[in-house]
C-alpha atoms as a PDB file:
ATOM      1  CA  MET A   1     -43.309 -67.557   4.748  1.00  0.00           C
ATOM      2  CA  LYS A   2     -39.703 -67.760   5.879  1.00  0.00           C
ATOM      3  CA  GLU A   3     -38.536 -66.521   2.474  1.00  0.00           C
ATOM      4  CA  PHE A   4     -41.105 -63.657   2.707  1.00  0.00           C
ATOM      5  CA  ARG A   5     -39.763 -62.564   6.071  1.00  0.00           C
ATOM      6  CA  LYS A   6     -36.189 -62.637   4.734  1.00  0.00           C
ATOM      7  CA  THR A   7     -37.134 -60.596   1.723  1.00  0.00           C
ATOM      8  CA  ALA A   8     -38.998 -58.058   3.933  1.00  0.00           C
ATOM      9  CA  SER A   9     -35.918 -57.743   6.249  1.00  0.00           C
ATOM     10  CA  ARG A  10     -33.674 -57.047   3.258  1.00  0.00           C
ATOM     11  CA  PHE A  11     -36.202 -54.432   1.917  1.00  0.00           C
ATOM     12  CA  ARG A  12     -36.246 -52.677   5.374  1.00  0.00           C
ATOM     13  CA  ALA A  13     -32.416 -52.658   5.433  1.00  0.00           C
ATOM     14  CA  LEU A  14     -32.359 -51.029   2.008  1.00  0.00           C
ATOM     15  CA  VAL A  15     -34.948 -48.473   3.082  1.00  0.00           C
ATOM     16  CA  VAL A  16     -32.887 -47.576   6.115  1.00  0.00           C
ATOM     17  CA  ALA A  17     -29.623 -47.401   4.097  1.00  0.00           C
ATOM     18  CA  ILE A  18     -31.348 -45.091   1.540  1.00  0.00           C
ATOM     19  CA  GLY A  19     -32.851 -42.946   4.305  1.00  0.00           C
ATOM     20  CA  ALA A  20     -29.490 -42.648   6.020  1.00  0.00           C
ATOM     21  CA  SER A  21     -27.812 -41.765   2.790  1.00  0.00           C
ATOM     22  CA  VAL A  22     -30.370 -39.024   2.035  1.00  0.00           C
ATOM     23  CA  ALA A  23     -30.138 -37.680   5.538  1.00  0.00           C
ATOM     24  CA  LEU A  24     -26.305 -37.555   5.404  1.00  0.00           C
ATOM     25  CA  SER A  25     -26.220 -35.935   1.949  1.00  0.00           C
ATOM     26  CA  GLY A  26     -28.797 -33.501   3.288  1.00  0.00           C
ATOM     27  CA  CYS A  27     -26.457 -32.589   6.165  1.00  0.00           C
ATOM     28  CA  GLY A  28     -23.616 -32.242   3.697  1.00  0.00           C
ATOM     29  CA  VAL A  29     -25.682 -29.853   1.577  1.00  0.00           C
ATOM     30  CA  VAL A  30     -26.769 -27.864   4.701  1.00  0.00           C
ATOM     31  CA  ASN A  31     -23.159 -27.789   6.003  1.00  0.00           C
ATOM     32  CA  HIS A  32     -21.887 -26.650   2.555  1.00  0.00           C
ATOM     33  CA  MET A  33     -24.470 -23.828   2.569  1.00  0.00           C
ATOM     34  CA  VAL A  34     -23.466 -22.831   6.038  1.00  0.00           C
ATOM     35  CA  TYR A  35     -19.796 -22.840   5.200  1.00  0.00           C
ATOM     36  CA  LYS A  36     -20.291 -20.912   2.056  1.00  0.00           C
ATOM     37  CA  THR A  37     -22.308 -18.237   3.862  1.00  0.00           C
ATOM     38  CA  THR A  38     -19.798 -18.035   6.590  1.00  0.00           C
ATOM     39  CA  GLY A  39     -17.009 -17.778   3.985  1.00  0.00           C
ATOM     40  CA  ASP A  40     -18.758 -14.944   2.055  1.00  0.00           C
ATOM     41  CA  VAL A  41     -19.484 -12.992   5.324  1.00  0.00           C
ATOM     42  CA  MET A  42     -15.889 -13.429   6.582  1.00  0.00           C
ATOM     43  CA  LYS A  43     -14.381 -12.252   3.161  1.00  0.00           C
ATOM     44  CA  GLY A  44     -16.789  -9.261   3.077  1.00  0.00           C
ATOM     45  CA  PHE A  45     -16.034  -8.299   6.786  1.00  0.00           C
ATOM     46  CA  SER A  46     -12.329  -8.647   6.349  1.00  0.00           C
ATOM     47  CA  ARG A  47     -12.199  -6.504   3.287  1.00  0.00           C
ATOM     48  CA  ASN A  48     -14.636  -3.793   4.404  1.00  0.00           C
ATOM     49  CA  HIS A  49     -13.650  -3.629   8.085  1.00  0.00           C
ATOM     50  CA  THR A  50     -10.618  -5.747   9.258  1.00  0.00           C
ATOM     51  CA  VAL A  51      -8.242  -4.402   6.621  1.00  0.00           C
ATOM     52  CA  PRO A  52      -9.325  -0.674   6.949  1.00  0.00           C
ATOM     53  CA  TYR A  53      -9.048  -0.995  10.661  1.00  0.00           C
ATOM     54  CA  LEU A  54      -5.486  -2.422  10.398  1.00  0.00           C
ATOM     55  CA  LEU A  55      -4.517   0.201   8.040  1.00  0.00           C
ATOM     56  CA  GLU A  56      -5.449   2.969  10.501  1.00  0.00           C
ATOM     57  CA  SER A  57      -3.149   1.288  13.052  1.00  0.00           C
ATOM     58  CA  ASP A  58       0.695   1.770  13.376  1.00  0.00           C
ATOM     59  CA  ASP A  59       1.230  -1.492  15.230  1.00  0.00           C
ATOM     60  CA  LEU A  60       3.297  -3.543  12.695  1.00  0.00           C
ATOM     61  CA  ALA A  61       3.798  -6.428  15.090  1.00  0.00           C
ATOM     62  CA  MET A  62       0.166  -6.826  15.589  1.00  0.00           C
ATOM     63  CA  GLY A  63      -0.497  -6.668  11.954  1.00  0.00           C
ATOM     64  CA  CYS A  64       2.246  -9.313  11.275  1.00  0.00           C
ATOM     65  CA  SER A  65       0.919 -11.728  13.889  1.00  0.00           C
ATOM     66  CA  MET A  66      -2.664 -11.297  12.498  1.00  0.00           C
ATOM     67  CA  SER A  67      -1.799 -12.053   8.927  1.00  0.00           C
ATOM     68  CA  GLU A  68       0.269 -15.062   9.771  1.00  0.00           C
ATOM     69  CA  ALA A  69      -2.321 -16.510  12.065  1.00  0.00           C
ATOM     70  CA  THR A  70      -5.513 -15.842  10.051  1.00  0.00           C
ATOM     71  CA  THR A  71      -4.227 -16.422   6.499  1.00  0.00           C
ATOM     72  CA  PRO A  72      -4.834 -20.211   6.584  1.00  0.00           C
ATOM     73  CA  LEU A  73      -8.295 -19.772   8.073  1.00  0.00           C
ATOM     74  CA  LEU A  74      -9.471 -17.123   5.645  1.00  0.00           C
ATOM     75  CA  MET A  75      -7.976 -18.677   2.599  1.00  0.00           C
ATOM     76  CA  SER A  76      -9.576 -22.156   3.468  1.00  0.00           C
ATOM     77  CA  PHE A  77     -13.032 -20.530   2.645  1.00  0.00           C
ATOM     78  CA  GLY A  78     -11.916 -20.908  -1.056  1.00  0.00           C
ATOM     79  CA  ARG A  79     -12.712 -24.564  -0.621  1.00  0.00           C
ATOM     80  CA  VAL A  80     -16.430 -23.780  -0.146  1.00  0.00           C
ATOM     81  CA  THR A  81     -16.951 -20.579  -1.887  1.00  0.00           C
ATOM     82  CA  SER A  82     -15.163 -18.336  -4.464  1.00  0.00           C
ATOM     83  CA  GLU A  83     -11.421 -18.022  -3.983  1.00  0.00           C
ATOM     84  CA  PRO A  84     -10.704 -14.853  -1.735  1.00  0.00           C
ATOM     85  CA  ASP A  85      -8.178 -13.587  -4.232  1.00  0.00           C
ATOM     86  CA  GLN A  86      -8.330  -9.895  -3.389  1.00  0.00           C
ATOM     87  CA  LEU A  87      -8.030 -10.420   0.336  1.00  0.00           C
ATOM     88  CA  ALA A  88      -5.239 -12.874  -0.208  1.00  0.00           C
ATOM     89  CA  VAL A  89      -3.175  -9.922  -1.665  1.00  0.00           C
ATOM     90  CA  MET A  90      -3.090  -8.059   1.559  1.00  0.00           C
ATOM     91  CA  LEU A  91      -2.646 -11.144   3.614  1.00  0.00           C
ATOM     92  CA  TYR A  92       0.470 -12.531   1.711  1.00  0.00           C
ATOM     93  CA  LEU A  93       1.939  -8.998   1.434  1.00  0.00           C
ATOM     94  CA  SER A  94       1.684  -8.583   5.184  1.00  0.00           C
ATOM     95  CA  SER A  95       2.931 -12.181   6.043  1.00  0.00           C
ATOM     96  CA  GLY A  96       5.799 -11.754   3.535  1.00  0.00           C
ATOM     97  CA  SER A  97       6.876  -8.662   5.274  1.00  0.00           C
ATOM     98  CA  CYS A  98       7.080 -10.816   8.510  1.00  0.00           C
ATOM     99  CA  ALA A  99       9.465 -13.070   6.934  1.00  0.00           C
ATOM    100  CA  GLU A 100      11.469 -10.286   5.502  1.00  0.00           C
ATOM    101  CA  GLU A 101      11.665  -8.743   8.951  1.00  0.00           C
ATOM    102  CA  GLN A 102      13.201 -12.003  10.101  1.00  0.00           C
ATOM    103  CA  ALA A 103      15.740 -11.886   7.230  1.00  0.00           C
ATOM    104  CA  ARG A 104      16.731  -8.357   8.303  1.00  0.00           C
ATOM    105  CA  GLU A 105      17.364  -9.495  11.872  1.00  0.00           C
ATOM    106  CA  HIS A 106      19.479 -12.482  10.574  1.00  0.00           C
ATOM    107  CA  GLY A 107      21.423 -10.045   8.344  1.00  0.00           C
ATOM    108  CA  LEU A 108      22.069  -7.821  11.401  1.00  0.00           C
ATOM    109  CA  THR A 109      23.353 -10.854  13.392  1.00  0.00           C
ATOM    110  CA  ALA A 110      25.624 -11.663  10.399  1.00  0.00           C
ATOM    111  CA  SER A 111      26.999  -8.087  10.330  1.00  0.00           C
ATOM    112  CA  ARG A 112      27.735  -8.005  13.997  1.00  0.00           C
ATOM    113  CA  ALA A 113      29.479 -11.315  13.792  1.00  0.00           C
ATOM    114  CA  MET A 114      31.605 -10.028  10.828  1.00  0.00           C
ATOM    115  CA  TYR A 115      32.360  -6.806  12.841  1.00  0.00           C
ATOM    116  CA  THR A 116      33.713  -9.063  15.695  1.00  0.00           C
ATOM    117  CA  MET A 117      35.442 -11.412  13.234  1.00  0.00           C
ATOM    118  CA  ASN A 118      33.286 -14.469  14.198  1.00  0.00           C
ATOM    119  CA  ALA A 119      33.214 -16.126  10.870  1.00  0.00           C
ATOM    120  CA  SER A 120      31.182 -19.264  11.847  1.00  0.00           C
ATOM    121  CA  GLU A 121      28.319 -17.260  13.454  1.00  0.00           C
ATOM    122  CA  ALA A 122      28.395 -14.856  10.400  1.00  0.00           C
ATOM    123  CA  GLN A 123      27.980 -17.790   8.076  1.00  0.00           C
ATOM    124  CA  ASP A 124      25.202 -19.455  10.054  1.00  0.00           C
ATOM    125  CA  ALA A 125      23.334 -16.150  10.239  1.00  0.00           C
ATOM    126  CA  LEU A 126      23.599 -15.644   6.419  1.00  0.00           C
ATOM    127  CA  ILE A 127      22.141 -19.164   5.800  1.00  0.00           C
ATOM    128  CA  GLN A 128      19.173 -18.257   8.062  1.00  0.00           C
ATOM    129  CA  GLN A 129      18.837 -14.947   6.211  1.00  0.00           C
ATOM    130  CA  LYS A 130      18.598 -16.628   2.845  1.00  0.00           C
ATOM    131  CA  ARG A 131      16.124 -18.993   4.222  1.00  0.00           C
ATOM    132  CA  ALA A 132      13.904 -16.202   5.522  1.00  0.00           C
ATOM    133  CA  HIS A 133      14.225 -14.421   2.086  1.00  0.00           C
ATOM    134  CA  SER A 134      13.051 -17.677   0.439  1.00  0.00           C
ATOM    135  CA  LEU A 135      10.019 -17.813   2.632  1.00  0.00           C
ATOM    136  CA  ALA A 136       9.282 -14.115   2.080  1.00  0.00           C
ATOM    137  CA  ALA A 137       9.519 -14.709  -1.739  1.00  0.00           C
ATOM    138  CA  LYS A 138       7.186 -17.561  -1.659  1.00  0.00           C
ATOM    139  CA  ARG A 139       4.626 -15.521   0.262  1.00  0.00           C
ATOM    140  CA  TYR A 140       4.962 -12.363  -1.877  1.00  0.00           C
ATOM    141  CA  LEU A 141       4.623 -14.500  -4.974  1.00  0.00           C
ATOM    142  CA  LYS A 142       1.412 -15.973  -3.743  1.00  0.00           C
ATOM    143  CA  GLY A 143       0.192 -12.366  -3.201  1.00  0.00           C
ATOM    144  CA  TRP A 144       1.180 -11.479  -6.753  1.00  0.00           C
ATOM    145  CA  GLN A 145      -0.533 -14.611  -8.110  1.00  0.00           C
ATOM    146  CA  HIS A 146      -3.706 -13.746  -6.395  1.00  0.00           C
ATOM    147  CA  HIS A 147      -3.514 -10.259  -7.577  1.00  0.00           C
ATOM    148  CA  ASN A 148      -3.367 -11.449 -11.139  1.00  0.00           C
ATOM    149  CA  ALA A 149      -6.176 -13.942 -10.576  1.00  0.00           C
ATOM    150  CA  HIS A 150      -8.395 -11.142  -9.325  1.00  0.00           C
ATOM    151  CA  TYR A 151      -7.426  -8.198 -11.520  1.00  0.00           C
ATOM    152  CA  GLY A 152      -5.993 -10.093 -14.567  1.00  0.00           C
ATOM    153  CA  ASP A 153      -2.515 -10.318 -15.902  1.00  0.00           C
ATOM    154  CA  PRO A 154      -1.260  -6.623 -16.342  1.00  0.00           C
ATOM    155  CA  ASP A 155       0.500  -7.615 -19.499  1.00  0.00           C
ATOM    156  CA  ALA A 156      -2.530  -9.337 -21.037  1.00  0.00           C
ATOM    157  CA  THR A 157      -5.398  -7.110 -19.924  1.00  0.00           C
ATOM    158  CA  GLU A 158      -6.407  -3.446 -19.806  1.00  0.00           C
ATOM    159  CA  CYS A 159      -6.443  -1.448 -16.508  1.00  0.00           C
ATOM    160  CA  PRO A 160      -9.220  -2.758 -14.326  1.00  0.00           C
ATOM    161  CA  LYS A 161     -12.211  -0.617 -13.535  1.00  0.00           C
ATOM    162  CA  PHE A 162     -11.842  -0.044  -9.778  1.00  0.00           C
ATOM    163  CA  LYS A 163     -15.056  -0.182  -7.564  1.00  0.00           C
ATOM    164  CA  ASP A 164     -13.856   1.881  -4.731  1.00  0.00           C
ATOM    165  CA  GLU A 165     -10.744   3.283  -3.067  1.00  0.00           C
ATOM    166  CA  MET A 166      -9.984   0.004  -1.247  1.00  0.00           C
ATOM    167  CA  ASP A 167     -10.135  -1.749  -4.614  1.00  0.00           C
ATOM    168  CA  GLU A 168      -7.338   0.576  -5.911  1.00  0.00           C
ATOM    169  CA  PHE A 169      -5.256   0.071  -2.771  1.00  0.00           C
ATOM    170  CA  MET A 170      -5.441  -3.698  -3.083  1.00  0.00           C
ATOM    171  CA  TYR A 171      -4.220  -3.238  -6.738  1.00  0.00           C
ATOM    172  CA  LEU A 172      -1.168  -1.197  -5.487  1.00  0.00           C
ATOM    173  CA  ALA A 173      -0.528  -3.837  -2.718  1.00  0.00           C
ATOM    174  CA  GLY A 174      -0.488  -6.538  -5.345  1.00  0.00           C
ATOM    175  CA  LEU A 175       2.207  -4.606  -7.425  1.00  0.00           C
ATOM    176  CA  LEU A 176       4.349  -4.208  -4.183  1.00  0.00           C
ATOM    177  CA  SER A 177       3.942  -8.014  -3.740  1.00  0.00           C
ATOM    178  CA  GLY A 178       5.266  -8.576  -7.177  1.00  0.00           C
ATOM    179  CA  LEU A 179       8.244  -6.441  -6.945  1.00  0.00           C
ATOM    180  CA  GLN A 180       9.081  -7.708  -3.406  1.00  0.00           C
ATOM    181  CA  ALA A 181       8.749 -11.219  -4.608  1.00  0.00           C
ATOM    182  CA  LEU A 182      11.483 -10.656  -7.199  1.00  0.00           C
ATOM    183  CA  ASN A 183      13.621  -8.826  -4.776  1.00  0.00           C
ATOM    184  CA  ALA A 184      13.447 -11.495  -2.121  1.00  0.00           C
ATOM    185  CA  GLN A 185      14.043 -14.228  -4.669  1.00  0.00           C
ATOM    186  CA  ILE A 186      17.270 -12.587  -5.701  1.00  0.00           C
ATOM    187  CA  GLN A 187      18.457 -12.135  -2.052  1.00  0.00           C
ATOM    188  CA  SER A 188      17.549 -15.831  -1.325  1.00  0.00           C
ATOM    189  CA  SER A 189      20.131 -16.907  -4.060  1.00  0.00           C
ATOM    190  CA  SER A 190      17.531 -19.625  -5.104  1.00  0.00           C
ATOM    191  CA  SER A 191      14.650 -19.908  -7.660  1.00  0.00           C
ATOM    192  CA  ILE A 192      11.291 -19.694  -6.143  1.00  0.00           C
ATOM    193  CA  GLY A 193       9.462 -19.431  -9.387  1.00  0.00           C
ATOM    194  CA  VAL A 194       9.143 -15.688  -9.634  1.00  0.00           C
ATOM    195  CA  PRO A 195       9.274 -14.696 -13.316  1.00  0.00           C
ATOM    196  CA  PHE A 196      12.231 -12.350 -13.986  1.00  0.00           C
ATOM    197  CA  ASN A 197      10.015  -9.989 -15.990  1.00  0.00           C
ATOM    198  CA  THR A 198       7.963  -9.273 -12.866  1.00  0.00           C
ATOM    199  CA  GLY A 199       9.652  -5.995 -12.268  1.00  0.00           C
ATOM    200  CA  SER A 200       8.921  -4.662 -15.818  1.00  0.00           C
ATOM    201  CA  VAL A 201       5.335  -5.933 -15.560  1.00  0.00           C
ATOM    202  CA  VAL A 202       4.844  -4.148 -12.299  1.00  0.00           C
ATOM    203  CA  GLY A 203       6.354  -1.015 -13.587  1.00  0.00           C
ATOM    204  CA  ARG A 204       3.869  -0.851 -16.535  1.00  0.00           C
ATOM    205  CA  ALA A 205       0.980  -1.672 -14.327  1.00  0.00           C
ATOM    206  CA  THR A 206       1.572   1.342 -12.074  1.00  0.00           C
ATOM    207  CA  GLN A 207       0.220   3.482 -14.790  1.00  0.00           C
ATOM    208  CA  CYS A 208      -3.299   2.204 -13.874  1.00  0.00           C
ATOM    209  CA  LEU A 209      -3.138   4.217 -10.679  1.00  0.00           C
ATOM    210  CA  ASP A 210      -3.480   7.941  -9.926  1.00  0.00           C
ATOM    211  CA  ASN A 211       0.078   8.922  -8.835  1.00  0.00           C
ATOM    212  CA  LYS A 212      -1.137  12.029  -6.890  1.00  0.00           C
ATOM    213  CA  LYS A 213      -3.903  10.202  -5.099  1.00  0.00           C
ATOM    214  CA  TRP A 214      -1.514   7.423  -3.976  1.00  0.00           C
ATOM    215  CA  TRP A 215       1.146   9.749  -2.396  1.00  0.00           C
ATOM    216  CA  GLY A 216       3.490   9.377  -5.480  1.00  0.00           C
ATOM    217  CA  ALA A 217       3.924   5.630  -4.806  1.00  0.00           C
ATOM    218  CA  PRO A 218       3.034   4.482  -8.335  1.00  0.00           C
ATOM    219  CA  MET A 219       5.604   6.760  -9.886  1.00  0.00           C
ATOM    220  CA  GLY A 220       8.155   5.777  -7.217  1.00  0.00           C
ATOM    221  CA  LEU A 221       7.653   2.132  -7.770  1.00  0.00           C
ATOM    222  CA  ARG A 222       7.916   2.625 -11.535  1.00  0.00           C
ATOM    223  CA  ALA A 223      11.135   4.702 -11.153  1.00  0.00           C
ATOM    224  CA  THR A 224      12.598   1.969  -8.806  1.00  0.00           C
ATOM    225  CA  VAL A 225      12.196  -0.505 -11.593  1.00  0.00           C
ATOM    226  CA  TRP A 226      13.952   1.864 -14.003  1.00  0.00           C
ATOM    227  CA  ALA A 227      16.820   2.318 -11.463  1.00  0.00           C
ATOM    228  CA  MET A 228      17.248  -1.401 -10.838  1.00  0.00           C
ATOM    229  CA  ILE A 229      16.514  -3.166 -14.156  1.00  0.00           C
ATOM    230  CA  PRO A 230      18.802  -2.112 -17.238  1.00  0.00           C
ATOM    231  CA  GLY A 231      16.876  -1.068 -20.285  1.00  0.00           C
ATOM    232  CA  THR A 232      13.496  -0.287 -18.696  1.00  0.00           C
ATOM    233  CA  MET A 233      13.923   3.484 -18.309  1.00  0.00           C
ATOM    234  CA  PRO A 234      12.295   5.445 -21.162  1.00  0.00           C
ATOM    235  CA  GLU A 235      14.410   7.923 -22.969  1.00  0.00           C
ATOM    236  CA  GLY A 236      14.613  11.389 -21.430  1.00  0.00           C
ATOM    237  CA  GLU A 237      13.606  10.079 -17.910  1.00  0.00           C
ATOM    238  CA  ASP A 238      15.778  10.360 -14.830  1.00  0.00           C
ATOM    239  CA  ALA A 239      14.849   7.568 -12.253  1.00  0.00           C
ATOM    240  CA  PHE A 240      16.477   9.298  -9.265  1.00  0.00           C
ATOM    241  CA  GLU A 241      14.858  12.593 -10.167  1.00  0.00           C
ATOM    242  CA  ARG A 242      11.532  10.838 -10.112  1.00  0.00           C
ATOM    243  CA  LEU A 243      12.297   9.118  -6.943  1.00  0.00           C
ATOM    244  CA  ALA A 244      13.199  12.302  -5.147  1.00  0.00           C
ATOM    245  CA  ILE A 245       9.754  13.816  -6.218  1.00  0.00           C
ATOM    246  CA  ALA A 246       7.928  10.727  -5.066  1.00  0.00           C
ATOM    247  CA  GLY A 247       9.659  11.001  -1.657  1.00  0.00           C
ATOM    248  CA  LYS A 248       8.502  14.630  -1.287  1.00  0.00           C
ATOM    249  CA  GLN A 249       4.935  13.739  -2.361  1.00  0.00           C
ATOM    250  CA  GLY A 250       4.848  10.918   0.205  1.00  0.00           C
ATOM    251  CA  ALA A 251       6.078  13.222   3.010  1.00  0.00           C
ATOM    252  CA  ASP A 252       3.494  15.882   2.118  1.00  0.00           C
ATOM    253  CA  ALA A 253       0.800  13.250   2.248  1.00  0.00           C
ATOM    254  CA  GLY A 254       1.892  11.617   5.481  1.00  0.00           C
ATOM    255  CA  VAL A 255       2.494   8.188   3.718  1.00  0.00           C
ATOM    256  CA  ARG A 256       6.312   8.138   3.180  1.00  0.00           C
ATOM    257  CA  LEU A 257       6.547   5.130   0.903  1.00  0.00           C
ATOM    258  CA  GLY A 258       8.342   7.174  -1.617  1.00  0.00           C
ATOM    259  CA  HIS A 259      11.428   7.410   0.681  1.00  0.00           C
ATOM    260  CA  VAL A 260      11.536   3.583   0.763  1.00  0.00           C
ATOM    261  CA  PHE A 261      11.706   3.315  -3.098  1.00  0.00           C
ATOM    262  CA  HIS A 262      14.360   6.030  -3.183  1.00  0.00           C
ATOM    263  CA  ALA A 263      16.464   4.257  -0.507  1.00  0.00           C
ATOM    264  CA  ILE A 264      16.112   0.846  -2.167  1.00  0.00           C
ATOM    265  CA  ALA A 265      17.333   2.306  -5.463  1.00  0.00           C
ATOM    266  CA  ALA A 266      20.225   4.165  -3.733  1.00  0.00           C
ATOM    267  CA  VAL A 267      21.269   0.857  -1.899  1.00  0.00           C
ATOM    268  CA  ASN A 268      21.191  -0.985  -5.199  1.00  0.00           C
ATOM    269  CA  LYS A 269      23.548   1.717  -6.611  1.00  0.00           C
ATOM    270  CA  ASN A 270      25.778   1.527  -3.615  1.00  0.00           C
ATOM    271  CA  ASP A 271      25.380   5.166  -3.079  1.00  0.00           C
ATOM    272  CA  GLU A 272      25.856   5.429   0.865  1.00  0.00           C
ATOM    273  CA  PRO A 273      25.773   9.249   0.998  1.00  0.00           C
ATOM    274  CA  LEU A 274      22.411   9.332  -0.905  1.00  0.00           C
ATOM    275  CA  VAL A 275      20.958   6.507   1.458  1.00  0.00           C
ATOM    276  CA  LYS A 276      21.996   8.564   4.438  1.00  0.00           C
ATOM    277  CA  SER A 277      20.542  11.766   3.007  1.00  0.00           C
ATOM    278  CA  ILE A 278      17.143   9.871   2.307  1.00  0.00           C
ATOM    279  CA  ILE A 279      17.072   8.555   5.921  1.00  0.00           C
ATOM    280  CA  ARG A 280      17.729  12.131   7.339  1.00  0.00           C
ATOM    281  CA  ASP A 281      14.889  13.438   5.188  1.00  0.00           C
ATOM    282  CA  HIS A 282      12.561  10.768   6.447  1.00  0.00           C
ATOM    283  CA  ALA A 283      13.506  11.342  10.052  1.00  0.00           C
ATOM    284  CA  GLU A 284      13.029  15.126   9.662  1.00  0.00           C
ATOM    285  CA  SER A 285       9.648  14.442   8.038  1.00  0.00           C
ATOM    286  CA  LEU A 286       8.584  12.306  11.008  1.00  0.00           C
ATOM    287  CA  LYS A 287       9.122  15.261  13.179  1.00  0.00           C
ATOM    288  CA  ASN A 288       7.297  17.776  11.063  1.00  0.00           C
ATOM    289  CA  ASP A 289       4.562  15.891   9.107  1.00  0.00           C
ATOM    290  CA  GLU A 290       1.784  13.846  10.763  1.00  0.00           C
ATOM    291  CA  PRO A 291       1.076  10.426   9.240  1.00  0.00           C
ATOM    292  CA  SER A 292      -2.102  10.040   7.397  1.00  0.00           C
ATOM    293  CA  GLU A 293      -4.951   8.818   9.615  1.00  0.00           C
ATOM    294  CA  ASP A 294      -6.291   6.377   7.120  1.00  0.00           C
ATOM    295  CA  TRP A 295      -2.838   4.873   6.119  1.00  0.00           C
ATOM    296  CA  ARG A 296      -0.908   4.851   9.379  1.00  0.00           C
ATOM    297  CA  PHE A 297       0.156   1.163   8.754  1.00  0.00           C
ATOM    298  CA  VAL A 298       1.571   1.906   5.442  1.00  0.00           C
ATOM    299  CA  ASP A 299       3.506   4.914   6.774  1.00  0.00           C
ATOM    300  CA  ALA A 300       4.798   2.920   9.727  1.00  0.00           C
ATOM    301  CA  MET A 301       5.831   0.233   7.401  1.00  0.00           C
ATOM    302  CA  ALA A 302       7.889   2.535   5.443  1.00  0.00           C
ATOM    303  CA  SER A 303       9.608   3.944   8.589  1.00  0.00           C
ATOM    304  CA  ASN A 304      10.304   0.446   9.716  1.00  0.00           C
ATOM    305  CA  MET A 305      12.170  -0.454   6.526  1.00  0.00           C
ATOM    306  CA  LEU A 306      14.250   2.597   6.622  1.00  0.00           C
ATOM    307  CA  VAL A 307      15.147   1.950  10.267  1.00  0.00           C
ATOM    308  CA  GLY A 308      16.247  -1.508   8.970  1.00  0.00           C
ATOM    309  CA  ILE A 309      18.481   0.126   6.396  1.00  0.00           C
ATOM    310  CA  SER A 310      19.856   2.602   9.154  1.00  0.00           C
ATOM    311  CA  ASP A 311      20.507  -0.402  11.399  1.00  0.00           C
ATOM    312  CA  ARG A 312      22.487  -2.259   8.838  1.00  0.00           C
ATOM    313  CA  LEU A 313      24.740   0.769   8.232  1.00  0.00           C
ATOM    314  CA  TRP A 314      25.263   1.423  11.930  1.00  0.00           C
ATOM    315  CA  VAL A 315      26.063  -2.266  12.598  1.00  0.00           C
ATOM    316  CA  GLU A 316      28.558  -2.557   9.726  1.00  0.00           C
ATOM    317  CA  ASN A 317      30.376   0.411  11.046  1.00  0.00           C
ATOM    318  CA  THR A 318      29.955   0.291  14.836  1.00  0.00           C
ATOM    319  CA  GLY A 319      28.860  -3.221  15.709  1.00  0.00           C
ATOM    320  CA  SER A 320      25.457  -2.070  17.051  1.00  0.00           C
ATOM    321  CA  ARG A 321      22.251  -0.764  15.545  1.00  0.00           C
ATOM    322  CA  THR A 322      20.874   2.751  15.411  1.00  0.00           C
ATOM    323  CA  PRO A 323      20.979   4.178  18.964  1.00  0.00           C
ATOM    324  CA  VAL A 324      17.547   4.973  20.471  1.00  0.00           C
ATOM    325  CA  GLY A 325      16.456   8.462  19.590  1.00  0.00           C
ATOM    326  CA  GLN A 326      19.161   8.965  16.998  1.00  0.00           C
ATOM    327  CA  PHE A 327      17.408   7.748  13.875  1.00  0.00           C
ATOM    328  CA  GLY A 328      18.431  10.181  11.121  1.00  0.00           C
ATOM    329  CA  SER A 329      21.902  10.593  12.427  1.00  0.00           C
ATOM    330  CA  PHE A 330      25.115   8.602  11.925  1.00  0.00           C
ATOM    331  CA  TRP A 331      28.236   7.548  13.699  1.00  0.00           C
ATOM    332  CA  ASP A 332      30.459   9.806  11.496  1.00  0.00           C
ATOM    333  CA  ASP A 333      28.416  12.964  11.792  1.00  0.00           C
ATOM    334  CA  ALA A 334      30.395  15.973  12.722  1.00  0.00           C
ATOM    335  CA  ARG A 335      29.681  16.900  16.331  1.00  0.00           C
ATOM    336  CA  ALA A 336      28.703  20.462  17.212  1.00  0.00           C
ATOM    337  CA  PRO A 337      31.533  22.185  19.179  1.00  0.00           C
ATOM    338  CA  VAL A 338      31.001  22.215  22.906  1.00  0.00           C
ATOM    339  CA  GLU A 339      31.244  25.691  24.432  1.00  0.00           C
ATOM    340  CA  THR A 340      33.904  25.801  27.161  1.00  0.00           C
ATOM    341  CA  MET A 341      34.653  28.355  29.737  1.00  0.00           C
ATOM    342  CA  ASP A 342      38.189  29.794  30.180  1.00  0.00           C
ATOM    343  CA  LEU A 343      38.853  29.343  33.877  1.00  0.00           C
ATOM    344  CA  ASP A 344      41.795  31.792  33.785  1.00  0.00           C
ATOM    345  CA  ASP A 345      39.274  34.571  33.453  1.00  0.00           C
ATOM    346  CA  LEU A 346      37.865  33.694  36.965  1.00  0.00           C
ATOM    347  CA  LEU A 347      41.138  33.803  38.614  1.00  0.00           C
END
């Protein structure tokens, strides 16, 4: 009898253990389903509503904070559902630009220090600038990798069949991430893992997009690659002529990304007069051409990048950045003569 009770007790314990295991596994299955559903909803909502809402805004700081704060949350849903590759393109492009903005600020600090002959401060700021460029390169590279995971390697696949306009824009954003990753890696003076043929791949992939529809940006991006990477420009083409056309197309459309490509190529060529001319054109366009309502964020991003280039020129030559209200003008501009009155005529 005693042996029977002992056996019965063991049997009950086994039943309880099995029951608990089933219950817990059931909770795990339920939780996984909830997480997956939440992840799918969040991905769809972000793509269809959050990103378009952000693109209609011109608040770059808000967009920067949002991307840095929400990227880990949104990307973590890839653990319970399909990887949010397409959404990641925009998240990492935006967060990469945050790090690049920090790099620009460190660069300005270094330029001011050099202007005042403070070598130690300049050296420290340059180190911080390279670190920020390294972070930017890592983020841009992730955006480029997710772009290729979603759309396929541009060198190994045909142009994708886009579902809608946002699908096309995400493709363009991925190409921007690729080129920016390469640029940031070069400026960081370190190897982040960005393939050195990325610029050429991006240039070829721009042909998958309608140049007119996308404000001249695909051609501008391609021409930037031609201008910066020897041997990539086709015979009979002129990179800077194409860049000038892209700049005008962007201004007419209210999305002035073409001015940025033109300025980047001019900076790379060390052509300061051309850089100044592009900045003047951009400043004039801001006065005369309204930004596109659907793409305010992209247009504001273009302006911010050109202000950054203007600030660098001002700091290198005067010790301080572009004065408020004087974007589009420069320290060495000829001043209009001031009309004076001959007081002798009043005597």
